[in-house]
Amino acid sequence: MTSKPFVTLYDIRDATQSNGWIPSIWRIRLILNYKRLPYRTVWIDFPEIDRTMRSINAPYTSRRSDGRPVYTLPVIVDPIRSPAAPVVLSNASAIAEYLEVAYPARPLFPDGTKALQTLFVHYLQGDFSRPLLPIMVPLSHQRLPERSQAHFFNPGQAPHEPYPPGPSREQAWRAVRDNFDFLATVLDKNNGDDGDGDLVSGRDLTYSDFALCAILIWIEKVSPQEGWPRIKQWNNGRWNRLMDRCRDYMDIL
């Protein structure tokens, strides 16, 4: 009896074995779970990315200054619609749009929202996340197996040193808090008229909610003693409520 095909999602192995913390990959995992698509996760180390992605003919995401291609995750392989010619995709935004078109049940892009959702996710990846990086990147680096740590940063880029406890670290967290406060103020405009201020759309879960939740998952997994205890209490607990709304879709298969 032939087994049913399933999507393969490539993710980075974690030294602690509590796998799965990269926000862009979590964004895709949440979508796969939400759309109830059969999939499996293949765990690889950073040094294996180039070789593995070449072996499956994955699209590269950029080129180095010398012209060599750069491969990044997430990457999916989808043989469900065409087992003889599986779809291989990289880049979280491209994957999300493909899954929405290929599997329109349980939609995440309500009609007329794709442009605004794309802009919102761009904001999350840029201005919103920027103050988090000096705190979260060193912590993320520490969670990798030793052989992966050297590949975490670009060639010639020095690893970030973690903020020591003290005024500089608290100043960094204040910058993070400012962005969360601003976003909470914007989302509060959804309250009333049957809207739900905990969700970007105001009513139902959308791609934007999963992109935001993926960042919260990163914080919860990588900074469970410091970062997540702070953030889940901010803005009257709204970020913890958003996580609760998404937890049904956080299984790692």
C-alpha atoms as a PDB file:
ATOM      1  CA  MET A   1       0.000   0.000   0.000  1.00  0.00           C
ATOM      2  CA  THR A   2       1.455   3.382  -1.044  1.00  0.00           C
ATOM      3  CA  SER A   3       1.710   5.933   1.742  1.00  0.00           C
ATOM      4  CA  LYS A   4       0.218   9.359   1.205  1.00  0.00           C
ATOM      5  CA  PRO A   5       2.683  12.121   0.219  1.00  0.00           C
ATOM      6  CA  PHE A   6       3.523  14.842   2.725  1.00  0.00           C
ATOM      7  CA  VAL A   7       5.295  18.178   2.780  1.00  0.00           C
ATOM      8  CA  THR A   8       8.882  18.265   4.057  1.00  0.00           C
ATOM      9  CA  LEU A   9       9.904  21.306   6.111  1.00  0.00           C
ATOM     10  CA  TYR A  10      13.620  21.857   6.742  1.00  0.00           C
ATOM     11  CA  ASP A  11      14.594  23.306  10.117  1.00  0.00           C
ATOM     12  CA  ILE A  12      17.790  23.887  12.146  1.00  0.00           C
ATOM     13  CA  ARG A  13      18.844  21.371  14.792  1.00  0.00           C
ATOM     14  CA  ASP A  14      19.152  22.751  18.320  1.00  0.00           C
ATOM     15  CA  ALA A  15      21.835  21.594  20.758  1.00  0.00           C
ATOM     16  CA  THR A  16      19.289  21.439  23.571  1.00  0.00           C
ATOM     17  CA  GLN A  17      17.004  19.110  21.566  1.00  0.00           C
ATOM     18  CA  SER A  18      14.056  21.437  22.260  1.00  0.00           C
ATOM     19  CA  ASN A  19      14.010  21.983  18.543  1.00  0.00           C
ATOM     20  CA  GLY A  20      12.436  24.782  16.594  1.00  0.00           C
ATOM     21  CA  TRP A  21      12.970  28.456  17.398  1.00  0.00           C
ATOM     22  CA  ILE A  22      13.724  30.337  14.160  1.00  0.00           C
ATOM     23  CA  PRO A  23      10.818  32.766  13.542  1.00  0.00           C
ATOM     24  CA  SER A  24      10.693  32.489   9.737  1.00  0.00           C
ATOM     25  CA  ILE A  25      10.505  28.693   9.969  1.00  0.00           C
ATOM     26  CA  TRP A  26       7.893  28.798  12.720  1.00  0.00           C
ATOM     27  CA  ARG A  27       5.781  31.027  10.509  1.00  0.00           C
ATOM     28  CA  ILE A  28       5.594  28.205   7.951  1.00  0.00           C
ATOM     29  CA  ARG A  29       5.060  25.471  10.558  1.00  0.00           C
ATOM     30  CA  LEU A  30       2.090  27.373  11.981  1.00  0.00           C
ATOM     31  CA  ILE A  31       0.578  27.639   8.498  1.00  0.00           C
ATOM     32  CA  LEU A  32       1.073  23.926   7.779  1.00  0.00           C
ATOM     33  CA  ASN A  33      -0.586  23.008  11.066  1.00  0.00           C
ATOM     34  CA  TYR A  34      -3.407  25.515  10.590  1.00  0.00           C
ATOM     35  CA  LYS A  35      -4.173  24.227   7.105  1.00  0.00           C
ATOM     36  CA  ARG A  36      -3.971  20.635   8.410  1.00  0.00           C
ATOM     37  CA  LEU A  37      -1.464  19.603   5.775  1.00  0.00           C
ATOM     38  CA  PRO A  38       0.499  16.387   6.320  1.00  0.00           C
ATOM     39  CA  TYR A  39       4.163  17.233   6.779  1.00  0.00           C
ATOM     40  CA  ARG A  40       7.361  16.194   8.487  1.00  0.00           C
ATOM     41  CA  THR A  41      10.321  18.203   9.763  1.00  0.00           C
ATOM     42  CA  VAL A  42      13.849  17.355   8.636  1.00  0.00           C
ATOM     43  CA  TRP A  43      16.447  18.683  11.077  1.00  0.00           C
ATOM     44  CA  ILE A  44      19.827  19.774   9.723  1.00  0.00           C
ATOM     45  CA  ASP A  45      22.830  21.699  11.059  1.00  0.00           C
ATOM     46  CA  PHE A  46      23.983  25.026   9.634  1.00  0.00           C
ATOM     47  CA  PRO A  47      27.034  23.489   7.888  1.00  0.00           C
ATOM     48  CA  GLU A  48      24.681  21.126   6.031  1.00  0.00           C
ATOM     49  CA  ILE A  49      22.411  23.797   4.542  1.00  0.00           C
ATOM     50  CA  ASP A  50      24.270  24.434   1.276  1.00  0.00           C
ATOM     51  CA  ARG A  51      24.870  20.760   0.474  1.00  0.00           C
ATOM     52  CA  THR A  52      21.349  19.691   1.424  1.00  0.00           C
ATOM     53  CA  MET A  53      19.624  22.496  -0.469  1.00  0.00           C
ATOM     54  CA  ARG A  54      21.695  21.845  -3.593  1.00  0.00           C
ATOM     55  CA  SER A  55      20.792  18.159  -3.430  1.00  0.00           C
ATOM     56  CA  ILE A  56      17.067  18.949  -3.596  1.00  0.00           C
ATOM     57  CA  ASN A  57      17.447  21.795  -6.126  1.00  0.00           C
ATOM     58  CA  ALA A  58      16.114  24.393  -3.713  1.00  0.00           C
ATOM     59  CA  PRO A  59      16.105  27.999  -4.960  1.00  0.00           C
ATOM     60  CA  TYR A  60      18.888  30.103  -3.495  1.00  0.00           C
ATOM     61  CA  THR A  61      17.818  33.252  -1.651  1.00  0.00           C
ATOM     62  CA  SER A  62      20.703  35.575  -2.555  1.00  0.00           C
ATOM     63  CA  ARG A  63      24.276  35.646  -3.876  1.00  0.00           C
ATOM     64  CA  ARG A  64      27.538  36.428  -2.148  1.00  0.00           C
ATOM     65  CA  SER A  65      29.779  39.193  -3.415  1.00  0.00           C
ATOM     66  CA  ASP A  66      31.784  36.583  -5.362  1.00  0.00           C
ATOM     67  CA  GLY A  67      28.629  35.342  -7.100  1.00  0.00           C
ATOM     68  CA  ARG A  68      28.176  32.123  -5.132  1.00  0.00           C
ATOM     69  CA  PRO A  69      24.557  31.342  -4.190  1.00  0.00           C
ATOM     70  CA  VAL A  70      23.379  31.619  -0.582  1.00  0.00           C
ATOM     71  CA  TYR A  71      20.825  29.119   0.688  1.00  0.00           C
ATOM     72  CA  THR A  72      18.664  29.836   3.720  1.00  0.00           C
ATOM     73  CA  LEU A  73      15.763  28.207   5.530  1.00  0.00           C
ATOM     74  CA  PRO A  74      12.814  27.758   5.588  1.00  0.00           C
ATOM     75  CA  VAL A  75      12.589  25.442   2.607  1.00  0.00           C
ATOM     76  CA  ILE A  76       9.719  23.108   1.810  1.00  0.00           C
ATOM     77  CA  VAL A  77       9.335  20.220  -0.597  1.00  0.00           C
ATOM     78  CA  ASP A  78       5.701  19.591  -1.563  1.00  0.00           C
ATOM     79  CA  PRO A  79       4.894  16.427  -3.540  1.00  0.00           C
ATOM     80  CA  ILE A  80       1.198  16.370  -2.601  1.00  0.00           C
ATOM     81  CA  ARG A  81      -0.190  17.976  -5.744  1.00  0.00           C
ATOM     82  CA  SER A  82       2.400  16.478  -8.110  1.00  0.00           C
ATOM     83  CA  PRO A  83       4.346  13.491  -6.740  1.00  0.00           C
ATOM     84  CA  ALA A  84       6.319  13.186  -9.984  1.00  0.00           C
ATOM     85  CA  ALA A  85       7.461  16.819  -9.848  1.00  0.00           C
ATOM     86  CA  PRO A  86       7.446  18.088  -6.263  1.00  0.00           C
ATOM     87  CA  VAL A  87       7.407  21.826  -5.657  1.00  0.00           C
ATOM     88  CA  VAL A  88      10.583  23.044  -3.900  1.00  0.00           C
ATOM     89  CA  LEU A  89      10.443  26.533  -2.434  1.00  0.00           C
ATOM     90  CA  SER A  90      12.552  28.783  -0.218  1.00  0.00           C
ATOM     91  CA  ASN A  91      11.801  32.164   1.419  1.00  0.00           C
ATOM     92  CA  ALA A  92       9.053  32.323   4.026  1.00  0.00           C
ATOM     93  CA  SER A  93       6.938  34.876   2.165  1.00  0.00           C
ATOM     94  CA  ALA A  94       7.027  32.906  -1.088  1.00  0.00           C
ATOM     95  CA  ILE A  95       6.185  29.682   0.750  1.00  0.00           C
ATOM     96  CA  ALA A  96       3.260  31.286   2.583  1.00  0.00           C
ATOM     97  CA  GLU A  97       1.778  32.666  -0.636  1.00  0.00           C
ATOM     98  CA  TYR A  98       2.211  29.317  -2.387  1.00  0.00           C
ATOM     99  CA  LEU A  99       0.484  27.393   0.419  1.00  0.00           C
ATOM    100  CA  GLU A 100      -2.427  29.839   0.362  1.00  0.00           C
ATOM    101  CA  VAL A 101      -2.952  29.386  -3.391  1.00  0.00           C
ATOM    102  CA  ALA A 102      -2.278  25.643  -3.501  1.00  0.00           C
ATOM    103  CA  TYR A 103      -4.386  24.849  -0.407  1.00  0.00           C
ATOM    104  CA  PRO A 104      -7.076  27.551  -0.162  1.00  0.00           C
ATOM    105  CA  ALA A 105      -9.088  25.813   2.584  1.00  0.00           C
ATOM    106  CA  ARG A 106      -8.775  27.613   5.943  1.00  0.00           C
ATOM    107  CA  PRO A 107      -7.495  30.818   4.294  1.00  0.00           C
ATOM    108  CA  LEU A 108      -5.004  33.158   5.957  1.00  0.00           C
ATOM    109  CA  PHE A 109      -5.194  35.976   3.413  1.00  0.00           C
ATOM    110  CA  PRO A 110      -8.792  37.257   3.371  1.00  0.00           C
ATOM    111  CA  ASP A 111      -9.743  38.966   0.114  1.00  0.00           C
ATOM    112  CA  GLY A 112      -8.087  42.331  -0.297  1.00  0.00           C
ATOM    113  CA  THR A 113      -5.615  41.929   2.589  1.00  0.00           C
ATOM    114  CA  LYS A 114      -2.484  40.546   0.909  1.00  0.00           C
ATOM    115  CA  ALA A 115      -0.837  43.944   0.336  1.00  0.00           C
ATOM    116  CA  LEU A 116      -1.503  45.187   3.879  1.00  0.00           C
ATOM    117  CA  GLN A 117      -0.438  41.888   5.432  1.00  0.00           C
ATOM    118  CA  THR A 118       2.764  41.907   3.386  1.00  0.00           C
ATOM    119  CA  LEU A 119       3.498  45.422   4.637  1.00  0.00           C
ATOM    120  CA  PHE A 120       2.746  44.439   8.251  1.00  0.00           C
ATOM    121  CA  VAL A 121       5.077  41.416   8.099  1.00  0.00           C
ATOM    122  CA  HIS A 122       7.778  43.597   6.545  1.00  0.00           C
ATOM    123  CA  TYR A 123       7.425  45.901   9.553  1.00  0.00           C
ATOM    124  CA  LEU A 124       7.698  42.947  11.943  1.00  0.00           C
ATOM    125  CA  GLN A 125      10.877  41.713  10.278  1.00  0.00           C
ATOM    126  CA  GLY A 126      12.445  45.171  10.250  1.00  0.00           C
ATOM    127  CA  ASP A 127      11.632  47.986  12.665  1.00  0.00           C
ATOM    128  CA  PHE A 128       9.708  45.882  15.174  1.00  0.00           C
ATOM    129  CA  SER A 129      12.358  43.145  15.539  1.00  0.00           C
ATOM    130  CA  ARG A 130      15.451  45.344  15.390  1.00  0.00           C
ATOM    131  CA  PRO A 131      15.687  46.127  19.140  1.00  0.00           C
ATOM    132  CA  LEU A 132      15.333  42.401  19.896  1.00  0.00           C
ATOM    133  CA  LEU A 133      18.394  41.376  17.899  1.00  0.00           C
ATOM    134  CA  PRO A 134      21.166  42.477  20.314  1.00  0.00           C
ATOM    135  CA  ILE A 135      19.434  40.457  23.050  1.00  0.00           C
ATOM    136  CA  MET A 136      18.142  37.443  21.151  1.00  0.00           C
ATOM    137  CA  VAL A 137      20.881  36.760  18.590  1.00  0.00           C
ATOM    138  CA  PRO A 138      23.595  35.890  21.157  1.00  0.00           C
ATOM    139  CA  LEU A 139      21.120  33.696  23.068  1.00  0.00           C
ATOM    140  CA  SER A 140      20.124  31.944  19.821  1.00  0.00           C
ATOM    141  CA  HIS A 141      23.794  31.388  18.947  1.00  0.00           C
ATOM    142  CA  GLN A 142      24.385  29.689  22.297  1.00  0.00           C
ATOM    143  CA  ARG A 143      21.606  27.143  21.608  1.00  0.00           C
ATOM    144  CA  LEU A 144      23.281  25.744  18.503  1.00  0.00           C
ATOM    145  CA  PRO A 145      25.522  22.669  18.410  1.00  0.00           C
ATOM    146  CA  GLU A 146      29.201  23.671  18.432  1.00  0.00           C
ATOM    147  CA  ARG A 147      29.708  22.756  14.773  1.00  0.00           C
ATOM    148  CA  SER A 148      26.846  25.080  13.793  1.00  0.00           C
ATOM    149  CA  GLN A 149      27.888  28.085  15.864  1.00  0.00           C
ATOM    150  CA  ALA A 150      30.684  29.082  13.475  1.00  0.00           C
ATOM    151  CA  HIS A 151      28.213  29.144  10.576  1.00  0.00           C
ATOM    152  CA  PHE A 152      25.584  31.238  12.342  1.00  0.00           C
ATOM    153  CA  PHE A 153      27.163  34.563  11.384  1.00  0.00           C
ATOM    154  CA  ASN A 154      28.219  35.768   7.959  1.00  0.00           C
ATOM    155  CA  PRO A 155      31.895  35.350   7.008  1.00  0.00           C
ATOM    156  CA  GLY A 156      33.963  38.000   8.766  1.00  0.00           C
ATOM    157  CA  GLN A 157      31.117  38.938  11.109  1.00  0.00           C
ATOM    158  CA  ALA A 158      32.007  38.781  14.795  1.00  0.00           C
ATOM    159  CA  PRO A 159      29.526  37.062  17.124  1.00  0.00           C
ATOM    160  CA  HIS A 160      27.499  39.419  19.279  1.00  0.00           C
ATOM    161  CA  GLU A 161      28.406  39.353  22.933  1.00  0.00           C
ATOM    162  CA  PRO A 162      25.409  38.953  25.256  1.00  0.00           C
ATOM    163  CA  TYR A 163      24.384  42.015  27.232  1.00  0.00           C
ATOM    164  CA  PRO A 164      25.576  41.601  30.815  1.00  0.00           C
ATOM    165  CA  PRO A 165      23.043  42.297  33.550  1.00  0.00           C
ATOM    166  CA  GLY A 166      22.870  45.980  34.280  1.00  0.00           C
ATOM    167  CA  PRO A 167      21.798  49.335  32.819  1.00  0.00           C
ATOM    168  CA  SER A 168      22.727  48.523  29.197  1.00  0.00           C
ATOM    169  CA  ARG A 169      20.635  45.379  29.212  1.00  0.00           C
ATOM    170  CA  GLU A 170      17.668  47.161  30.782  1.00  0.00           C
ATOM    171  CA  GLN A 171      17.999  49.924  28.204  1.00  0.00           C
ATOM    172  CA  ALA A 172      17.846  47.278  25.468  1.00  0.00           C
ATOM    173  CA  TRP A 173      14.677  45.826  26.954  1.00  0.00           C
ATOM    174  CA  ARG A 174      13.132  49.309  27.175  1.00  0.00           C
ATOM    175  CA  ALA A 175      13.631  49.694  23.427  1.00  0.00           C
ATOM    176  CA  VAL A 176      11.870  46.363  22.910  1.00  0.00           C
ATOM    177  CA  ARG A 177       9.052  47.441  25.217  1.00  0.00           C
ATOM    178  CA  ASP A 178       8.570  50.651  23.240  1.00  0.00           C
ATOM    179  CA  ASN A 179       7.894  48.686  20.069  1.00  0.00           C
ATOM    180  CA  PHE A 180       5.486  46.318  21.786  1.00  0.00           C
ATOM    181  CA  ASP A 181       3.656  49.305  23.303  1.00  0.00           C
ATOM    182  CA  PHE A 182       3.358  50.961  19.897  1.00  0.00           C
ATOM    183  CA  LEU A 183       2.024  47.781  18.293  1.00  0.00           C
ATOM    184  CA  ALA A 184      -0.468  47.305  21.129  1.00  0.00           C
ATOM    185  CA  THR A 185      -1.754  50.852  20.555  1.00  0.00           C
ATOM    186  CA  VAL A 186      -2.264  50.106  16.868  1.00  0.00           C
ATOM    187  CA  LEU A 187      -4.016  46.775  17.490  1.00  0.00           C
ATOM    188  CA  ASP A 188      -6.295  48.388  20.078  1.00  0.00           C
ATOM    189  CA  LYS A 189      -8.014  50.114  17.162  1.00  0.00           C
ATOM    190  CA  ASN A 190      -9.601  46.712  16.387  1.00  0.00           C
ATOM    191  CA  ASN A 191     -11.491  46.706  19.693  1.00  0.00           C
ATOM    192  CA  GLY A 192     -15.225  47.230  19.486  1.00  0.00           C
ATOM    193  CA  ASP A 193     -17.587  46.561  16.594  1.00  0.00           C
ATOM    194  CA  ASP A 194     -17.098  42.842  17.272  1.00  0.00           C
ATOM    195  CA  GLY A 195     -13.368  43.269  16.716  1.00  0.00           C
ATOM    196  CA  ASP A 196     -10.695  41.488  18.738  1.00  0.00           C
ATOM    197  CA  GLY A 197      -7.708  43.645  19.613  1.00  0.00           C
ATOM    198  CA  ASP A 198      -5.556  40.581  20.203  1.00  0.00           C
ATOM    199  CA  LEU A 199      -5.588  39.752  16.470  1.00  0.00           C
ATOM    200  CA  VAL A 200      -4.125  41.773  13.636  1.00  0.00           C
ATOM    201  CA  SER A 201      -7.264  41.330  11.524  1.00  0.00           C
ATOM    202  CA  GLY A 202      -9.565  42.018  14.458  1.00  0.00           C
ATOM    203  CA  ARG A 203     -11.570  38.816  13.987  1.00  0.00           C
ATOM    204  CA  ASP A 204      -9.868  35.681  12.655  1.00  0.00           C
ATOM    205  CA  LEU A 205      -6.314  34.382  12.652  1.00  0.00           C
ATOM    206  CA  THR A 206      -4.378  35.493   9.583  1.00  0.00           C
ATOM    207  CA  TYR A 207      -0.871  35.213   8.190  1.00  0.00           C
ATOM    208  CA  SER A 208       0.089  38.392  10.070  1.00  0.00           C
ATOM    209  CA  ASP A 209      -0.882  36.831  13.417  1.00  0.00           C
ATOM    210  CA  PHE A 210       1.302  33.810  12.705  1.00  0.00           C
ATOM    211  CA  ALA A 211       4.236  36.042  11.720  1.00  0.00           C
ATOM    212  CA  LEU A 212       3.907  37.900  15.032  1.00  0.00           C
ATOM    213  CA  CYS A 213       3.373  34.711  17.007  1.00  0.00           C
ATOM    214  CA  ALA A 214       6.513  33.209  15.434  1.00  0.00           C
ATOM    215  CA  ILE A 215       8.548  36.027  16.994  1.00  0.00           C
ATOM    216  CA  LEU A 216       6.918  35.360  20.374  1.00  0.00           C
ATOM    217  CA  ILE A 217       7.755  31.650  20.054  1.00  0.00           C
ATOM    218  CA  TRP A 218      11.380  32.605  19.395  1.00  0.00           C
ATOM    219  CA  ILE A 219      11.442  34.632  22.602  1.00  0.00           C
ATOM    220  CA  GLU A 220       9.644  31.971  24.640  1.00  0.00           C
ATOM    221  CA  LYS A 221      12.002  29.206  23.527  1.00  0.00           C
ATOM    222  CA  VAL A 222      15.311  31.080  23.553  1.00  0.00           C
ATOM    223  CA  SER A 223      14.742  33.335  26.580  1.00  0.00           C
ATOM    224  CA  PRO A 224      12.295  31.409  28.802  1.00  0.00           C
ATOM    225  CA  GLN A 225      13.655  32.785  32.098  1.00  0.00           C
ATOM    226  CA  GLU A 226      14.048  36.442  31.183  1.00  0.00           C
ATOM    227  CA  GLY A 227      12.472  37.529  27.910  1.00  0.00           C
ATOM    228  CA  TRP A 228       9.183  35.677  27.829  1.00  0.00           C
ATOM    229  CA  PRO A 229       8.274  36.315  31.509  1.00  0.00           C
ATOM    230  CA  ARG A 230       8.622  40.030  30.778  1.00  0.00           C
ATOM    231  CA  ILE A 231       6.748  40.144  27.488  1.00  0.00           C
ATOM    232  CA  LYS A 232       3.826  37.928  28.421  1.00  0.00           C
ATOM    233  CA  GLN A 233       2.859  40.444  31.122  1.00  0.00           C
ATOM    234  CA  TRP A 234       3.147  43.539  28.939  1.00  0.00           C
ATOM    235  CA  ASN A 235       0.084  45.338  27.577  1.00  0.00           C
ATOM    236  CA  ASN A 236      -2.326  43.578  29.916  1.00  0.00           C
ATOM    237  CA  GLY A 237      -1.201  40.119  28.827  1.00  0.00           C
ATOM    238  CA  ARG A 238      -2.244  40.508  25.171  1.00  0.00           C
ATOM    239  CA  TRP A 239       0.877  38.751  23.822  1.00  0.00           C
ATOM    240  CA  ASN A 240       0.268  35.750  26.052  1.00  0.00           C
ATOM    241  CA  ARG A 241      -3.326  35.663  24.817  1.00  0.00           C
ATOM    242  CA  LEU A 242      -2.133  35.694  21.214  1.00  0.00           C
ATOM    243  CA  MET A 243       0.163  32.756  21.977  1.00  0.00           C
ATOM    244  CA  ASP A 244      -2.779  30.901  23.490  1.00  0.00           C
ATOM    245  CA  ARG A 245      -4.780  31.523  20.318  1.00  0.00           C
ATOM    246  CA  CYS A 246      -1.977  29.945  18.274  1.00  0.00           C
ATOM    247  CA  ARG A 247      -1.002  27.024  20.531  1.00  0.00           C
ATOM    248  CA  ASP A 248      -3.250  24.562  18.737  1.00  0.00           C
ATOM    249  CA  TYR A 249      -0.975  25.035  15.718  1.00  0.00           C
ATOM    250  CA  MET A 250       2.398  24.698  17.446  1.00  0.00           C
ATOM    251  CA  ASP A 251       2.903  20.951  17.101  1.00  0.00           C
ATOM    252  CA  ILE A 252       6.274  19.937  15.648  1.00  0.00           C
ATOM    253  CA  LEU A 253       5.730  17.015  13.291  1.00  0.00           C
END
